[in-house]
N, C-alpha and C. Protein backbone atom coordinates (compact mmCIF):
# COMPACT_ATOMS: atom_id res chain seq x y z
N MET A 1 11.23 23.62 12.00
CA MET A 1 11.32 22.18 12.05
C MET A 1 10.16 21.60 12.86
N LYS A 2 9.81 22.29 13.95
CA LYS A 2 8.73 21.81 14.81
C LYS A 2 7.40 21.79 14.06
N SER A 3 7.15 22.84 13.29
CA SER A 3 5.90 22.89 12.52
C SER A 3 5.88 21.81 11.44
N PHE A 4 7.04 21.52 10.87
CA PHE A 4 7.12 20.46 9.86
C PHE A 4 6.76 19.11 10.46
N LEU A 5 7.29 18.84 11.66
CA LEU A 5 7.01 17.55 12.31
C LEU A 5 5.53 17.41 12.65
N PHE A 6 4.92 18.48 13.13
CA PHE A 6 3.49 18.41 13.45
C PHE A 6 2.64 18.28 12.19
N LYS A 7 3.08 18.91 11.13
CA LYS A 7 2.32 18.89 9.88
C LYS A 7 2.33 17.51 9.23
N HIS A 8 3.47 16.84 9.29
CA HIS A 8 3.66 15.56 8.63
C HIS A 8 3.74 14.40 9.62
N TYR A 9 3.09 14.52 10.77
CA TYR A 9 3.22 13.51 11.81
C TYR A 9 2.73 12.15 11.35
N SER A 10 1.61 12.08 10.66
CA SER A 10 1.06 10.78 10.27
C SER A 10 1.96 10.08 9.25
N ILE A 11 2.51 10.82 8.32
CA ILE A 11 3.40 10.23 7.32
C ILE A 11 4.69 9.74 7.97
N LEU A 12 5.27 10.59 8.82
CA LEU A 12 6.53 10.21 9.47
C LEU A 12 6.34 9.05 10.42
N SER A 13 5.22 9.01 11.13
CA SER A 13 5.00 7.90 12.06
C SER A 13 4.83 6.59 11.31
N GLN A 14 4.12 6.61 10.18
CA GLN A 14 3.98 5.40 9.38
C GLN A 14 5.31 4.97 8.79
N LEU A 15 6.11 5.93 8.37
CA LEU A 15 7.42 5.63 7.80
C LEU A 15 8.33 4.97 8.84
N PHE A 16 8.40 5.55 10.03
CA PHE A 16 9.28 4.99 11.05
C PHE A 16 8.74 3.69 11.62
N LEU A 17 7.43 3.55 11.66
CA LEU A 17 6.85 2.29 12.11
C LEU A 17 7.17 1.16 11.13
N SER A 18 7.04 1.43 9.84
CA SER A 18 7.36 0.39 8.85
C SER A 18 8.86 0.08 8.83
N MET A 19 9.70 1.09 9.03
CA MET A 19 11.14 0.84 9.09
C MET A 19 11.49 0.01 10.32
N GLY A 20 10.87 0.30 11.43
CA GLY A 20 11.12 -0.47 12.64
C GLY A 20 10.66 -1.91 12.50
N PHE A 21 9.51 -2.10 11.86
CA PHE A 21 9.00 -3.45 11.62
C PHE A 21 9.93 -4.22 10.69
N SER A 22 10.45 -3.57 9.66
CA SER A 22 11.40 -4.21 8.74
C SER A 22 12.67 -4.61 9.47
N PHE A 23 13.15 -3.71 10.33
CA PHE A 23 14.35 -4.01 11.11
C PHE A 23 14.10 -5.18 12.06
N PHE A 24 12.92 -5.21 12.69
CA PHE A 24 12.56 -6.30 13.59
C PHE A 24 12.50 -7.63 12.84
N LEU A 25 11.86 -7.65 11.67
CA LEU A 25 11.79 -8.88 10.89
C LEU A 25 13.17 -9.36 10.44
N LEU A 26 14.04 -8.43 10.10
CA LEU A 26 15.40 -8.79 9.72
C LEU A 26 16.15 -9.41 10.90
N MET A 27 15.98 -8.83 12.08
CA MET A 27 16.64 -9.39 13.27
C MET A 27 16.11 -10.78 13.61
N VAL A 28 14.82 -10.99 13.46
CA VAL A 28 14.23 -12.31 13.72
C VAL A 28 14.77 -13.32 12.72
N ARG A 29 14.86 -12.92 11.45
CA ARG A 29 15.38 -13.81 10.42
C ARG A 29 16.84 -14.15 10.67
N MET A 30 17.61 -13.16 11.13
CA MET A 30 19.01 -13.40 11.44
C MET A 30 19.15 -14.36 12.62
N LYS A 31 18.28 -14.23 13.60
CA LYS A 31 18.34 -15.10 14.78
C LYS A 31 17.95 -16.54 14.42
N LEU A 32 16.93 -16.70 13.58
CA LEU A 32 16.47 -18.04 13.22
C LEU A 32 17.42 -18.75 12.27
N ASN A 33 17.96 -18.03 11.30
CA ASN A 33 18.80 -18.66 10.27
C ASN A 33 20.29 -18.61 10.59
N GLN A 34 20.68 -17.85 11.59
CA GLN A 34 22.10 -17.68 11.93
C GLN A 34 22.90 -17.19 10.72
N SER A 35 22.30 -16.28 9.95
CA SER A 35 22.95 -15.76 8.75
C SER A 35 22.82 -14.24 8.72
N PHE A 36 23.88 -13.58 8.25
CA PHE A 36 23.87 -12.13 8.12
C PHE A 36 23.52 -11.68 6.71
N PHE A 37 23.04 -12.60 5.89
CA PHE A 37 22.66 -12.26 4.53
C PHE A 37 21.50 -11.27 4.56
N LEU A 38 21.48 -10.32 3.68
CA LEU A 38 20.49 -9.24 3.57
C LEU A 38 20.61 -8.20 4.68
N LEU A 39 21.72 -8.19 5.39
CA LEU A 39 21.93 -7.16 6.40
C LEU A 39 22.10 -5.78 5.76
N PHE A 40 22.46 -5.74 4.50
CA PHE A 40 22.60 -4.48 3.78
C PHE A 40 21.27 -3.74 3.66
N MET A 41 20.17 -4.42 3.93
CA MET A 41 18.85 -3.77 3.85
C MET A 41 18.72 -2.62 4.85
N VAL A 42 19.39 -2.73 6.00
CA VAL A 42 19.37 -1.65 6.98
C VAL A 42 20.05 -0.42 6.40
N TRP A 43 21.16 -0.62 5.73
CA TRP A 43 21.87 0.48 5.09
C TRP A 43 21.01 1.09 3.98
N ASN A 44 20.32 0.28 3.21
CA ASN A 44 19.45 0.79 2.16
C ASN A 44 18.30 1.61 2.72
N LEU A 45 17.75 1.18 3.85
CA LEU A 45 16.69 1.97 4.50
C LEU A 45 17.22 3.32 4.94
N PHE A 46 18.43 3.33 5.48
CA PHE A 46 19.05 4.59 5.88
C PHE A 46 19.27 5.50 4.67
N LEU A 47 19.77 4.93 3.59
CA LEU A 47 20.02 5.74 2.39
C LEU A 47 18.73 6.24 1.75
N ALA A 48 17.64 5.53 1.95
CA ALA A 48 16.37 5.98 1.40
C ALA A 48 15.81 7.17 2.18
N ILE A 49 16.21 7.33 3.43
CA ILE A 49 15.71 8.44 4.25
C ILE A 49 16.34 9.77 3.80
N ILE A 50 17.57 9.73 3.34
CA ILE A 50 18.29 10.97 3.02
C ILE A 50 17.59 11.79 1.94
N PRO A 51 17.25 11.24 0.75
CA PRO A 51 16.56 12.06 -0.24
C PRO A 51 15.16 12.47 0.21
N TYR A 52 14.49 11.61 0.99
CA TYR A 52 13.17 11.97 1.50
C TYR A 52 13.27 13.17 2.44
N ALA A 53 14.26 13.16 3.33
CA ALA A 53 14.42 14.26 4.28
C ALA A 53 14.78 15.56 3.55
N ILE A 54 15.66 15.48 2.58
CA ILE A 54 16.06 16.68 1.84
C ILE A 54 14.89 17.25 1.06
N SER A 55 14.16 16.40 0.35
CA SER A 55 13.03 16.91 -0.44
C SER A 55 11.90 17.42 0.45
N SER A 56 11.67 16.78 1.59
CA SER A 56 10.65 17.27 2.51
C SER A 56 11.03 18.63 3.09
N TYR A 57 12.30 18.78 3.41
CA TYR A 57 12.78 20.06 3.93
C TYR A 57 12.63 21.16 2.89
N LEU A 58 13.01 20.88 1.65
CA LEU A 58 12.91 21.90 0.61
C LEU A 58 11.46 22.25 0.30
N LEU A 59 10.57 21.29 0.37
CA LEU A 59 9.16 21.60 0.14
C LEU A 59 8.55 22.40 1.28
N SER A 60 9.04 22.21 2.49
CA SER A 60 8.47 22.92 3.63
C SER A 60 9.01 24.35 3.76
N LYS A 61 10.16 24.62 3.13
CA LYS A 61 10.71 25.98 3.18
C LYS A 61 9.83 26.93 2.39
N LYS A 62 9.76 28.13 2.88
CA LYS A 62 9.00 29.15 2.17
C LYS A 62 9.77 29.54 0.91
N GLN A 63 9.10 29.45 -0.22
CA GLN A 63 9.75 29.77 -1.48
C GLN A 63 9.67 31.28 -1.73
N PRO A 64 10.80 31.88 -2.06
CA PRO A 64 10.78 33.33 -2.31
C PRO A 64 10.06 33.65 -3.63
N SER A 65 9.43 34.77 -3.65
CA SER A 65 8.77 35.18 -4.88
C SER A 65 9.81 35.73 -5.85
N LYS A 66 9.42 35.91 -7.08
CA LYS A 66 10.36 36.38 -8.10
C LYS A 66 10.77 37.83 -7.85
N LEU A 67 9.88 38.61 -7.24
CA LEU A 67 10.21 40.01 -6.98
C LEU A 67 11.33 40.12 -5.94
N THR A 68 11.32 39.31 -4.92
CA THR A 68 12.37 39.40 -3.91
C THR A 68 13.71 38.91 -4.45
N VAL A 69 13.69 37.99 -5.40
CA VAL A 69 14.93 37.51 -5.99
C VAL A 69 15.54 38.58 -6.88
N LEU A 70 14.71 39.32 -7.60
CA LEU A 70 15.19 40.35 -8.51
C LEU A 70 15.66 41.60 -7.78
N THR A 71 15.12 41.87 -6.63
CA THR A 71 15.46 43.10 -5.90
C THR A 71 16.76 43.02 -5.18
């Protein structure tokens, strides 16, 4: 896991920075308009992380060769 984080640091930092900025803009909009409309966007951001994390993990795992699977 540690090697994965160091390998993909720039991508992950940009991802979390943009998510934080989106969350900040949503909070500012909620404060100015006194409305909770579009609050579901936080949940959608969370749900978007799940497939990204799973696919990144599977790509970073060492894939077994066909010989080791057959043996």
